[in-house]
Structures are given as structure tokens and as C-alpha cells.
Amino acid sequence: MYLPIAMRQGRYFLKKNSSWPRNVTLNLHEAGIHWNSDDGKLNRTLKLAWESIEKVNEDENHIYLYYQKSEALIIPKNISVLSLTEQNEFKQLIQNHLNISF
């Protein structure tokens, strides 16, 4: 009985939360990563040097870049809005700085 009630409460709070979905911009370059999130009310920015990535995990579709023990950037491996050239540049940056091949 607990699980259905908890799920219903979770759905209620997610529907009530106006900060999702939000616009997220991720720029990868030679110096590091620049992440910007804007939900209309709050604009957050994060700048990370490649060296500050503590741990890297991946699954079939995503790369998880941990910059703190419990904080990570989640990046899709295939980004449909990028051209083929941009996707190759993205993969090359990831491979060069984080030793991940995909």
C-alpha cells in the first residue's frame, strides 16, 4: 500500500514543480565544461576544468561526469541536434580529456 501512495505523492510534487523542464546549455571546450541551466526563475552556471572531474561512469546512452561525490553532469552520448562534424568533435573532446571511447 505504501508504494502506490508514495508514487502518487511523487507525481503530484513533480506536476506542481514548475522548474522542470528547464533549458540546459552545455559547452565543452579544451579548457573544460561550461554548464548553464535556466528555468525562467533561476539561472545557474557551473564551470569545470577537465581536471576537476573525479569519476566517470557510462551506460549505453549516457556519460556521467562526477565533479563531487554525489554531483554529476549527465551527458547523452548521441545528441541529435548536432551535425555529424559536431558529434565527432564532441566525441574527440571526451576521448582526449576523459579517456572514454564510444
N, C-alpha and C. Protein backbone atom coordinates (compact mmCIF):
# COMPACT_ATOMS: atom_id res chain seq x y z
N MET A 1 0.81 -1.19 0.00
CA MET A 1 0.00 0.00 0.00
C MET A 1 0.86 1.27 0.00
N TYR A 2 2.03 1.17 0.62
CA TYR A 2 2.89 2.35 0.72
C TYR A 2 3.37 2.82 -0.66
N LEU A 3 3.78 1.88 -1.51
CA LEU A 3 4.35 2.24 -2.80
C LEU A 3 3.38 3.03 -3.69
N PRO A 4 2.12 2.61 -3.86
CA PRO A 4 1.21 3.42 -4.69
C PRO A 4 0.98 4.83 -4.13
N ILE A 5 0.92 4.95 -2.83
CA ILE A 5 0.72 6.26 -2.23
C ILE A 5 1.95 7.14 -2.45
N ALA A 6 3.13 6.57 -2.26
CA ALA A 6 4.37 7.32 -2.47
C ALA A 6 4.50 7.75 -3.92
N MET A 7 4.13 6.88 -4.86
CA MET A 7 4.21 7.24 -6.28
C MET A 7 3.23 8.36 -6.61
N ARG A 8 2.03 8.30 -6.05
CA ARG A 8 1.04 9.34 -6.29
C ARG A 8 1.53 10.68 -5.75
N GLN A 9 2.14 10.66 -4.56
CA GLN A 9 2.67 11.89 -3.98
C GLN A 9 3.80 12.43 -4.83
N GLY A 10 4.67 11.55 -5.31
CA GLY A 10 5.77 11.98 -6.16
C GLY A 10 5.29 12.64 -7.44
N ARG A 11 4.29 12.05 -8.09
CA ARG A 11 3.71 12.64 -9.30
C ARG A 11 3.10 14.01 -9.02
N TYR A 12 2.43 14.12 -7.89
CA TYR A 12 1.81 15.39 -7.50
C TYR A 12 2.87 16.49 -7.37
N PHE A 13 3.98 16.17 -6.67
CA PHE A 13 5.03 17.17 -6.46
C PHE A 13 5.75 17.52 -7.76
N LEU A 14 5.94 16.54 -8.64
CA LEU A 14 6.58 16.83 -9.93
C LEU A 14 5.70 17.72 -10.80
N LYS A 15 4.39 17.47 -10.79
CA LYS A 15 3.50 18.32 -11.57
C LYS A 15 3.44 19.73 -11.01
N LYS A 16 3.54 19.84 -9.71
CA LYS A 16 3.49 21.14 -9.04
C LYS A 16 4.79 21.92 -9.23
N ASN A 17 5.91 21.22 -9.41
CA ASN A 17 7.22 21.84 -9.56
C ASN A 17 7.33 22.46 -10.95
N SER A 18 7.39 23.77 -11.01
CA SER A 18 7.44 24.47 -12.30
C SER A 18 8.85 24.62 -12.86
N SER A 19 9.85 24.12 -12.15
CA SER A 19 11.22 24.27 -12.63
C SER A 19 11.60 23.21 -13.66
N TRP A 20 10.74 22.26 -13.95
CA TRP A 20 11.01 21.25 -14.96
C TRP A 20 9.97 21.37 -16.05
N PRO A 21 10.24 21.25 -17.28
CA PRO A 21 11.59 21.12 -17.81
C PRO A 21 12.30 22.46 -17.83
N ARG A 22 13.58 22.43 -17.89
CA ARG A 22 14.36 23.66 -17.94
C ARG A 22 15.29 23.62 -19.14
N ASN A 23 15.72 24.80 -19.53
CA ASN A 23 16.67 24.90 -20.63
C ASN A 23 18.07 24.71 -20.08
N VAL A 24 18.79 23.78 -20.66
CA VAL A 24 20.16 23.48 -20.23
C VAL A 24 21.07 23.63 -21.43
N THR A 25 22.17 24.36 -21.23
CA THR A 25 23.18 24.52 -22.26
C THR A 25 24.48 23.96 -21.74
N LEU A 26 25.12 23.14 -22.54
CA LEU A 26 26.39 22.52 -22.16
C LEU A 26 27.41 22.83 -23.24
N ASN A 27 28.49 23.49 -22.85
CA ASN A 27 29.58 23.80 -23.78
C ASN A 27 30.82 23.05 -23.33
N LEU A 28 31.36 22.23 -24.22
CA LEU A 28 32.60 21.53 -23.96
C LEU A 28 33.67 22.16 -24.83
N HIS A 29 34.81 22.45 -24.23
CA HIS A 29 35.92 23.03 -24.98
C HIS A 29 37.22 22.55 -24.36
N GLU A 30 38.33 22.96 -24.92
CA GLU A 30 39.64 22.47 -24.48
C GLU A 30 39.94 22.78 -23.01
N ALA A 31 39.45 23.91 -22.50
CA ALA A 31 39.73 24.29 -21.12
C ALA A 31 38.84 23.56 -20.12
N GLY A 32 37.66 23.14 -20.54
CA GLY A 32 36.77 22.47 -19.61
C GLY A 32 35.33 22.47 -20.08
N ILE A 33 34.42 22.46 -19.10
CA ILE A 33 32.99 22.34 -19.36
C ILE A 33 32.29 23.54 -18.75
N HIS A 34 31.38 24.13 -19.50
CA HIS A 34 30.56 25.24 -19.01
C HIS A 34 29.11 24.79 -19.13
N TRP A 35 28.40 24.72 -17.98
CA TRP A 35 27.02 24.25 -17.91
C TRP A 35 26.15 25.40 -17.43
N ASN A 36 25.04 25.64 -18.11
CA ASN A 36 24.12 26.70 -17.73
C ASN A 36 22.69 26.14 -17.74
N SER A 37 21.95 26.42 -16.66
CA SER A 37 20.58 25.95 -16.53
C SER A 37 19.68 27.14 -16.23
N ASP A 38 18.59 27.25 -16.98
CA ASP A 38 17.66 28.36 -16.80
C ASP A 38 16.25 27.82 -16.79
N ASP A 39 15.54 28.00 -15.68
CA ASP A 39 14.16 27.54 -15.60
C ASP A 39 13.16 28.69 -15.60
N GLY A 40 13.60 29.89 -15.98
CA GLY A 40 12.73 31.05 -16.02
C GLY A 40 12.81 31.89 -14.75
N LYS A 41 13.03 31.26 -13.62
CA LYS A 41 13.14 31.97 -12.35
C LYS A 41 14.57 32.03 -11.86
N LEU A 42 15.31 30.98 -12.12
CA LEU A 42 16.65 30.84 -11.58
C LEU A 42 17.60 30.45 -12.71
N ASN A 43 18.71 31.14 -12.78
CA ASN A 43 19.73 30.84 -13.77
C ASN A 43 20.97 30.36 -13.01
N ARG A 44 21.38 29.12 -13.26
CA ARG A 44 22.55 28.57 -12.58
C ARG A 44 23.65 28.27 -13.60
N THR A 45 24.88 28.52 -13.20
CA THR A 45 26.03 28.30 -14.06
C THR A 45 27.08 27.49 -13.31
N LEU A 46 27.73 26.60 -14.02
CA LEU A 46 28.79 25.78 -13.45
C LEU A 46 29.93 25.72 -14.46
N LYS A 47 31.13 26.05 -14.01
CA LYS A 47 32.30 25.95 -14.87
C LYS A 47 33.25 24.95 -14.23
N LEU A 48 33.64 23.94 -15.02
CA LEU A 48 34.51 22.87 -14.53
C LEU A 48 35.71 22.71 -15.45
N ALA A 49 36.87 22.61 -14.85
CA ALA A 49 38.06 22.23 -15.62
C ALA A 49 38.02 20.72 -15.78
N TRP A 50 38.61 20.21 -16.84
CA TRP A 50 38.62 18.77 -17.06
C TRP A 50 39.25 18.04 -15.87
N GLU A 51 40.23 18.66 -15.24
CA GLU A 51 40.93 18.03 -14.12
C GLU A 51 40.04 17.88 -12.89
N SER A 52 38.97 18.63 -12.81
CA SER A 52 38.10 18.57 -11.64
C SER A 52 37.09 17.42 -11.71
N ILE A 53 37.06 16.70 -12.83
CA ILE A 53 36.19 15.53 -12.94
C ILE A 53 36.83 14.41 -12.13
N GLU A 54 36.15 14.00 -11.05
CA GLU A 54 36.69 12.99 -10.14
C GLU A 54 36.48 11.56 -10.63
N LYS A 55 35.34 11.31 -11.27
CA LYS A 55 34.99 9.96 -11.65
C LYS A 55 34.12 10.01 -12.90
N VAL A 56 34.26 9.00 -13.74
CA VAL A 56 33.47 8.92 -14.96
C VAL A 56 32.83 7.54 -15.04
N ASN A 57 31.53 7.52 -15.25
CA ASN A 57 30.79 6.28 -15.49
C ASN A 57 30.02 6.44 -16.78
N GLU A 58 29.60 5.32 -17.34
CA GLU A 58 28.80 5.38 -18.55
C GLU A 58 27.88 4.18 -18.63
N ASP A 59 26.79 4.35 -19.36
CA ASP A 59 25.92 3.24 -19.71
C ASP A 59 25.74 3.30 -21.22
N GLU A 60 24.76 2.61 -21.75
CA GLU A 60 24.59 2.56 -23.21
C GLU A 60 24.33 3.93 -23.83
N ASN A 61 23.64 4.81 -23.10
CA ASN A 61 23.20 6.08 -23.70
C ASN A 61 23.79 7.33 -23.09
N HIS A 62 24.41 7.26 -21.92
CA HIS A 62 24.85 8.46 -21.21
C HIS A 62 26.26 8.30 -20.64
N ILE A 63 26.88 9.47 -20.44
CA ILE A 63 28.15 9.57 -19.74
C ILE A 63 27.88 10.37 -18.47
N TYR A 64 28.37 9.88 -17.34
CA TYR A 64 28.17 10.53 -16.04
C TYR A 64 29.51 11.08 -15.57
N LEU A 65 29.61 12.40 -15.49
CA LEU A 65 30.85 13.06 -15.08
C LEU A 65 30.67 13.58 -13.65
N TYR A 66 31.29 12.89 -12.71
CA TYR A 66 31.18 13.26 -11.30
C TYR A 66 32.24 14.30 -10.95
N TYR A 67 31.80 15.48 -10.54
CA TYR A 67 32.71 16.53 -10.11
C TYR A 67 32.70 16.66 -8.59
N GLN A 68 31.78 16.00 -7.92
CA GLN A 68 31.75 15.83 -6.48
C GLN A 68 31.25 14.42 -6.22
N LYS A 69 31.31 13.98 -4.97
CA LYS A 69 30.93 12.61 -4.67
C LYS A 69 29.50 12.29 -5.11
N SER A 70 28.58 13.21 -4.90
CA SER A 70 27.18 12.95 -5.24
C SER A 70 26.62 13.91 -6.29
N GLU A 71 27.47 14.60 -7.02
CA GLU A 71 27.04 15.54 -8.06
C GLU A 71 27.69 15.15 -9.39
N ALA A 72 26.86 15.06 -10.42
CA ALA A 72 27.38 14.67 -11.73
C ALA A 72 26.65 15.40 -12.84
N LEU A 73 27.34 15.58 -13.92
CA LEU A 73 26.72 16.03 -15.17
C LEU A 73 26.39 14.78 -15.97
N ILE A 74 25.20 14.72 -16.50
CA ILE A 74 24.77 13.58 -17.31
C ILE A 74 24.68 14.05 -18.75
N ILE A 75 25.50 13.45 -19.59
CA ILE A 75 25.58 13.87 -20.98
C ILE A 75 25.16 12.71 -21.88
N PRO A 76 24.20 12.93 -22.77
CA PRO A 76 23.84 11.86 -23.71
C PRO A 76 24.99 11.61 -24.69
N LYS A 77 25.17 10.35 -25.05
CA LYS A 77 26.23 10.01 -25.99
C LYS A 77 25.90 10.45 -27.41
N ASN A 78 24.66 10.35 -27.80
CA ASN A 78 24.24 10.77 -29.14
C ASN A 78 23.29 11.95 -29.00
N ILE A 79 23.70 13.07 -29.53
CA ILE A 79 22.92 14.30 -29.44
C ILE A 79 22.39 14.61 -30.84
N SER A 80 21.09 14.46 -31.02
CA SER A 80 20.50 14.55 -32.35
C SER A 80 20.56 15.94 -32.97
N VAL A 81 20.67 16.99 -32.15
CA VAL A 81 20.68 18.35 -32.71
C VAL A 81 22.05 18.75 -33.25
N LEU A 82 23.06 17.93 -33.02
CA LEU A 82 24.40 18.23 -33.51
C LEU A 82 24.60 17.64 -34.90
N SER A 83 25.36 18.34 -35.71
CA SER A 83 25.72 17.81 -37.02
C SER A 83 26.73 16.68 -36.83
N LEU A 84 26.99 15.93 -37.86
CA LEU A 84 27.94 14.82 -37.78
C LEU A 84 29.33 15.32 -37.39
N THR A 85 29.74 16.46 -37.93
CA THR A 85 31.03 17.05 -37.59
C THR A 85 31.08 17.44 -36.12
N GLU A 86 30.01 18.06 -35.63
CA GLU A 86 29.96 18.47 -34.22
C GLU A 86 29.95 17.26 -33.29
N GLN A 87 29.24 16.19 -33.68
CA GLN A 87 29.24 14.98 -32.87
C GLN A 87 30.63 14.37 -32.80
N ASN A 88 31.36 14.38 -33.91
CA ASN A 88 32.73 13.86 -33.91
C ASN A 88 33.64 14.71 -33.04
N GLU A 89 33.48 16.03 -33.07
CA GLU A 89 34.27 16.91 -32.21
C GLU A 89 33.95 16.66 -30.74
N PHE A 90 32.68 16.47 -30.42
CA PHE A 90 32.25 16.15 -29.06
C PHE A 90 32.91 14.86 -28.58
N LYS A 91 32.84 13.82 -29.38
CA LYS A 91 33.43 12.54 -29.01
C LYS A 91 34.95 12.66 -28.85
N GLN A 92 35.58 13.44 -29.72
CA GLN A 92 37.03 13.61 -29.64
C GLN A 92 37.43 14.33 -28.35
N LEU A 93 36.69 15.36 -27.95
CA LEU A 93 36.97 16.06 -26.70
C LEU A 93 36.85 15.13 -25.50
N ILE A 94 35.77 14.36 -25.47
CA ILE A 94 35.56 13.42 -24.37
C ILE A 94 36.67 12.38 -24.34
N GLN A 95 37.03 11.84 -25.48
CA GLN A 95 38.08 10.83 -25.55
C GLN A 95 39.43 11.38 -25.12
N ASN A 96 39.76 12.58 -25.57
CA ASN A 96 41.05 13.17 -25.24
C ASN A 96 41.20 13.51 -23.76
N HIS A 97 40.14 14.03 -23.15
CA HIS A 97 40.25 14.51 -21.78
C HIS A 97 39.85 13.50 -20.72
N LEU A 98 39.01 12.53 -21.08
CA LEU A 98 38.50 11.61 -20.06
C LEU A 98 38.80 10.14 -20.36
N ASN A 99 39.49 9.88 -21.47
CA ASN A 99 39.87 8.52 -21.85
C ASN A 99 38.67 7.59 -21.97
N ILE A 100 37.60 8.06 -22.58
CA ILE A 100 36.42 7.24 -22.85
C ILE A 100 36.29 7.11 -24.35
N SER A 101 36.11 5.90 -24.81
CA SER A 101 35.86 5.73 -26.24
C SER A 101 34.49 5.14 -26.45
N PHE A 102 33.78 5.68 -27.41
CA PHE A 102 32.44 5.17 -27.74
C PHE A 102 32.17 5.36 -29.21
